[in-house]
Amino acid sequence: MDRAPIPVSVPALSYHLRCSTFTSRSVRFGEGTPKATSMDSQGQTTSLQRLQNVEKRIVKVLELAGGVMDELASPIGPRKDVVQNHCLEFMQLIKDIQVALRDEIKSACEYRPFEKCDYGSRIANEICYKKVEFIMSQLDAMKQTIDEYHAAV
């Protein structure tokens, strides 16, 4: 059951991706992660998309493990070549998953969103601006009071 896209902020997943659109989907095995529908400006995959690919590899690993279990439970006995191929593919996928997750963890640890942030200076500037506005309004009120006093005298 598809729903309309929902904008979701993704602050620590990708430096270039500020906000992506995600589509909710029915949750079936292997589809628990929302699918990112946009790419960053350089056309690279986002961290969320890379993690979704890892999820697909994990599903494939589980399918391979199930295939080996089926083969071992076969009444005619396991076929050695099938078990060996499944095991080789299983080990390669496990290695790929480890590398991908290590890269994502490294990327997340290196991500410093506030390194060049000007939030503090912008807020301080905004506060100073509001103070100046307030002082100007007070001076205008004082001037008006003085003018009224001189007009009355």
C-alpha atoms as a PDB file:
ATOM      1  CA  MET A   1       0.000   0.000   0.000  1.00  0.00           C
ATOM      2  CA  ASP A   2       1.764   3.176  -1.180  1.00  0.00           C
ATOM      3  CA  ARG A   3       1.270   6.562   0.404  1.00  0.00           C
ATOM      4  CA  ALA A   4       2.170  10.046  -0.717  1.00  0.00           C
ATOM      5  CA  PRO A   5       5.861  10.983  -0.319  1.00  0.00           C
ATOM      6  CA  ILE A   6       6.741  12.451   3.067  1.00  0.00           C
ATOM      7  CA  PRO A   7       9.706  14.853   3.410  1.00  0.00           C
ATOM      8  CA  VAL A   8      12.053  13.573   6.122  1.00  0.00           C
ATOM      9  CA  SER A   9      15.089  15.437   7.444  1.00  0.00           C
ATOM     10  CA  VAL A  10      18.254  13.342   7.352  1.00  0.00           C
ATOM     11  CA  PRO A  11      20.763  15.309   9.430  1.00  0.00           C
ATOM     12  CA  ALA A  12      23.632  12.885  10.072  1.00  0.00           C
ATOM     13  CA  LEU A  13      23.408  10.494   7.196  1.00  0.00           C
ATOM     14  CA  SER A  14      24.709  12.489   4.287  1.00  0.00           C
ATOM     15  CA  TYR A  15      26.489  15.836   4.265  1.00  0.00           C
ATOM     16  CA  HIS A  16      25.140  16.870   0.879  1.00  0.00           C
ATOM     17  CA  LEU A  17      21.621  15.625   1.452  1.00  0.00           C
ATOM     18  CA  ARG A  18      19.686  18.056   3.635  1.00  0.00           C
ATOM     19  CA  CYS A  19      16.190  16.710   3.053  1.00  0.00           C
ATOM     20  CA  SER A  20      14.979  13.763   1.013  1.00  0.00           C
ATOM     21  CA  THR A  21      11.587  12.434   0.073  1.00  0.00           C
ATOM     22  CA  PHE A  22      10.743   8.965   1.253  1.00  0.00           C
ATOM     23  CA  THR A  23       7.887   6.729   0.279  1.00  0.00           C
ATOM     24  CA  SER A  24       6.171   4.552   2.853  1.00  0.00           C
ATOM     25  CA  ARG A  25       5.664   0.975   1.684  1.00  0.00           C
ATOM     26  CA  SER A  26       4.125  -2.131   3.079  1.00  0.00           C
ATOM     27  CA  VAL A  27       6.683  -3.854   5.256  1.00  0.00           C
ATOM     28  CA  ARG A  28       7.629  -7.218   3.869  1.00  0.00           C
ATOM     29  CA  PHE A  29      10.828  -9.087   4.513  1.00  0.00           C
ATOM     30  CA  GLY A  30      13.594  -7.077   2.910  1.00  0.00           C
ATOM     31  CA  GLU A  31      11.523  -3.915   2.495  1.00  0.00           C
ATOM     32  CA  GLY A  32      11.711  -2.415   5.968  1.00  0.00           C
ATOM     33  CA  THR A  33      13.842   0.551   4.946  1.00  0.00           C
ATOM     34  CA  PRO A  34      12.232   3.512   3.187  1.00  0.00           C
ATOM     35  CA  LYS A  35      13.476   4.048  -0.339  1.00  0.00           C
ATOM     36  CA  ALA A  36      15.209   7.344  -1.010  1.00  0.00           C
ATOM     37  CA  THR A  37      13.917   8.834  -4.225  1.00  0.00           C
ATOM     38  CA  SER A  38      16.412  11.634  -4.711  1.00  0.00           C
ATOM     39  CA  MET A  39      20.140  11.853  -5.304  1.00  0.00           C
ATOM     40  CA  ASP A  40      22.543  14.540  -4.203  1.00  0.00           C
ATOM     41  CA  SER A  41      23.865  17.096  -6.660  1.00  0.00           C
ATOM     42  CA  GLN A  42      26.822  14.992  -7.821  1.00  0.00           C
ATOM     43  CA  GLY A  43      24.688  11.931  -8.595  1.00  0.00           C
ATOM     44  CA  GLN A  44      26.302   9.829  -5.887  1.00  0.00           C
ATOM     45  CA  THR A  45      24.213   7.430  -3.849  1.00  0.00           C
ATOM     46  CA  THR A  46      23.151   8.696  -0.458  1.00  0.00           C
ATOM     47  CA  SER A  47      24.058   6.995   2.773  1.00  0.00           C
ATOM     48  CA  LEU A  48      20.466   5.839   3.135  1.00  0.00           C
ATOM     49  CA  GLN A  49      20.552   4.216  -0.302  1.00  0.00           C
ATOM     50  CA  ARG A  50      23.844   2.483   0.517  1.00  0.00           C
ATOM     51  CA  LEU A  51      22.327   1.167   3.742  1.00  0.00           C
ATOM     52  CA  GLN A  52      19.316  -0.067   1.789  1.00  0.00           C
ATOM     53  CA  ASN A  53      21.706  -1.998  -0.470  1.00  0.00           C
ATOM     54  CA  VAL A  54      23.279  -3.528   2.656  1.00  0.00           C
ATOM     55  CA  GLU A  55      19.795  -4.550   3.769  1.00  0.00           C
ATOM     56  CA  LYS A  56      19.241  -6.291   0.427  1.00  0.00           C
ATOM     57  CA  ARG A  57      22.555  -8.137   0.857  1.00  0.00           C
ATOM     58  CA  ILE A  58      21.490  -9.264   4.328  1.00  0.00           C
ATOM     59  CA  VAL A  59      18.258 -10.641   2.864  1.00  0.00           C
ATOM     60  CA  LYS A  60      20.306 -12.488   0.228  1.00  0.00           C
ATOM     61  CA  VAL A  61      22.577 -13.905   2.976  1.00  0.00           C
ATOM     62  CA  LEU A  62      19.527 -15.228   4.819  1.00  0.00           C
ATOM     63  CA  GLU A  63      18.168 -16.738   1.610  1.00  0.00           C
ATOM     64  CA  LEU A  64      21.514 -18.468   1.011  1.00  0.00           C
ATOM     65  CA  ALA A  65      21.558 -19.799   4.573  1.00  0.00           C
ATOM     66  CA  GLY A  66      18.028 -21.105   4.075  1.00  0.00           C
ATOM     67  CA  GLY A  67      19.090 -22.718   0.788  1.00  0.00           C
ATOM     68  CA  VAL A  68      21.958 -24.521   2.525  1.00  0.00           C
ATOM     69  CA  MET A  69      19.607 -25.701   5.283  1.00  0.00           C
ATOM     70  CA  ASP A  70      17.166 -26.993   2.654  1.00  0.00           C
ATOM     71  CA  GLU A  71      20.003 -28.754   0.876  1.00  0.00           C
ATOM     72  CA  LEU A  72      21.266 -30.332   4.100  1.00  0.00           C
ATOM     73  CA  ALA A  73      17.730 -31.480   4.961  1.00  0.00           C
ATOM     74  CA  SER A  74      17.216 -33.041   1.539  1.00  0.00           C
ATOM     75  CA  PRO A  75      16.109 -36.705   1.750  1.00  0.00           C
ATOM     76  CA  ILE A  76      18.599 -37.682  -0.968  1.00  0.00           C
ATOM     77  CA  GLY A  77      21.437 -35.899   0.825  1.00  0.00           C
ATOM     78  CA  PRO A  78      23.132 -32.586   0.185  1.00  0.00           C
ATOM     79  CA  ARG A  79      24.709 -31.813  -3.166  1.00  0.00           C
ATOM     80  CA  LYS A  80      28.264 -30.817  -2.373  1.00  0.00           C
ATOM     81  CA  ASP A  81      28.631 -28.344  -5.240  1.00  0.00           C
ATOM     82  CA  VAL A  82      25.405 -26.500  -4.343  1.00  0.00           C
ATOM     83  CA  VAL A  83      26.357 -26.252  -0.666  1.00  0.00           C
ATOM     84  CA  GLN A  84      29.870 -25.103  -1.581  1.00  0.00           C
ATOM     85  CA  ASN A  85      28.595 -22.431  -3.990  1.00  0.00           C
ATOM     86  CA  HIS A  86      26.078 -21.164  -1.430  1.00  0.00           C
ATOM     87  CA  CYS A  87      28.774 -21.036   1.257  1.00  0.00           C
ATOM     88  CA  LEU A  88      31.214 -19.154  -0.989  1.00  0.00           C
ATOM     89  CA  GLU A  89      28.558 -16.627  -1.964  1.00  0.00           C
ATOM     90  CA  PHE A  90      27.495 -16.359   1.701  1.00  0.00           C
ATOM     91  CA  MET A  91      31.046 -15.561   2.816  1.00  0.00           C
ATOM     92  CA  GLN A  92      31.537 -13.003   0.031  1.00  0.00           C
ATOM     93  CA  LEU A  93      28.281 -11.249   0.914  1.00  0.00           C
ATOM     94  CA  ILE A  94      29.220 -11.189   4.613  1.00  0.00           C
ATOM     95  CA  LYS A  95      32.543  -9.584   3.672  1.00  0.00           C
ATOM     96  CA  ASP A  96      30.768  -7.020   1.455  1.00  0.00           C
ATOM     97  CA  ILE A  97      28.306  -6.216   4.255  1.00  0.00           C
ATOM     98  CA  GLN A  98      31.137  -5.702   6.744  1.00  0.00           C
ATOM     99  CA  VAL A  99      33.008  -3.391   4.363  1.00  0.00           C
ATOM    100  CA  ALA A 100      29.883  -1.369   3.557  1.00  0.00           C
ATOM    101  CA  LEU A 101      28.909  -0.987   7.216  1.00  0.00           C
ATOM    102  CA  ARG A 102      32.474  -0.068   8.178  1.00  0.00           C
ATOM    103  CA  ASP A 103      32.475   2.620   5.474  1.00  0.00           C
ATOM    104  CA  GLU A 104      29.124   3.995   6.654  1.00  0.00           C
ATOM    105  CA  ILE A 105      30.283   4.084  10.280  1.00  0.00           C
ATOM    106  CA  LYS A 106      33.497   5.825   9.242  1.00  0.00           C
ATOM    107  CA  SER A 107      31.527   8.319   7.162  1.00  0.00           C
ATOM    108  CA  ALA A 108      29.148   9.023  10.060  1.00  0.00           C
ATOM    109  CA  CYS A 109      32.068   9.496  12.478  1.00  0.00           C
ATOM    110  CA  GLU A 110      33.838  11.895  10.104  1.00  0.00           C
ATOM    111  CA  TYR A 111      30.659  13.898   9.532  1.00  0.00           C
ATOM    112  CA  ARG A 112      30.906  17.205  11.379  1.00  0.00           C
ATOM    113  CA  PRO A 113      27.759  19.157  10.568  1.00  0.00           C
ATOM    114  CA  PHE A 114      28.605  22.092  12.835  1.00  0.00           C
ATOM    115  CA  GLU A 115      32.256  22.455  11.842  1.00  0.00           C
ATOM    116  CA  LYS A 116      31.643  25.490   9.640  1.00  0.00           C
ATOM    117  CA  CYS A 117      28.282  26.420  11.055  1.00  0.00           C
ATOM    118  CA  ASP A 118      27.525  30.108  11.462  1.00  0.00           C
ATOM    119  CA  TYR A 119      24.434  29.514  13.598  1.00  0.00           C
ATOM    120  CA  GLY A 120      25.919  31.090  16.738  1.00  0.00           C
ATOM    121  CA  SER A 121      27.045  34.248  14.996  1.00  0.00           C
ATOM    122  CA  ARG A 122      23.748  34.530  13.102  1.00  0.00           C
ATOM    123  CA  ILE A 123      21.747  34.226  16.334  1.00  0.00           C
ATOM    124  CA  ALA A 124      24.003  36.751  18.102  1.00  0.00           C
ATOM    125  CA  ASN A 125      23.542  39.119  15.153  1.00  0.00           C
ATOM    126  CA  GLU A 126      19.758  38.659  15.257  1.00  0.00           C
ATOM    127  CA  ILE A 127      19.693  39.359  19.014  1.00  0.00           C
ATOM    128  CA  CYS A 128      21.767  42.524  18.540  1.00  0.00           C
ATOM    129  CA  TYR A 129      19.441  43.629  15.745  1.00  0.00           C
ATOM    130  CA  LYS A 130      16.395  43.176  18.002  1.00  0.00           C
ATOM    131  CA  LYS A 131      18.130  45.119  20.799  1.00  0.00           C
ATOM    132  CA  VAL A 132      18.900  48.006  18.426  1.00  0.00           C
ATOM    133  CA  GLU A 133      15.273  47.986  17.212  1.00  0.00           C
ATOM    134  CA  PHE A 134      14.065  48.137  20.829  1.00  0.00           C
ATOM    135  CA  ILE A 135      16.454  50.986  21.712  1.00  0.00           C
ATOM    136  CA  MET A 136      15.373  52.907  18.598  1.00  0.00           C
ATOM    137  CA  SER A 137      11.717  52.517  19.572  1.00  0.00           C
ATOM    138  CA  GLN A 138      12.539  53.754  23.100  1.00  0.00           C
ATOM    139  CA  LEU A 139      14.415  56.758  21.669  1.00  0.00           C
ATOM    140  CA  ASP A 140      11.484  57.533  19.360  1.00  0.00           C
ATOM    141  CA  ALA A 141       9.128  57.378  22.338  1.00  0.00           C
ATOM    142  CA  MET A 142      11.415  59.666  24.352  1.00  0.00           C
ATOM    143  CA  LYS A 143      11.639  62.132  21.446  1.00  0.00           C
ATOM    144  CA  GLN A 144       7.854  62.123  21.112  1.00  0.00           C
ATOM    145  CA  THR A 145       7.511  62.773  24.858  1.00  0.00           C
ATOM    146  CA  ILE A 146      10.010  65.659  24.659  1.00  0.00           C
ATOM    147  CA  ASP A 147       8.202  67.129  21.631  1.00  0.00           C
ATOM    148  CA  GLU A 148       4.865  66.878  23.464  1.00  0.00           C
ATOM    149  CA  TYR A 149       6.409  68.567  26.522  1.00  0.00           C
ATOM    150  CA  HIS A 150       7.798  71.448  24.436  1.00  0.00           C
ATOM    151  CA  ALA A 151       4.458  71.810  22.667  1.00  0.00           C
ATOM    152  CA  ALA A 152       2.669  72.013  26.029  1.00  0.00           C
ATOM    153  CA  VAL A 153       5.019  74.629  27.487  1.00  0.00           C
END
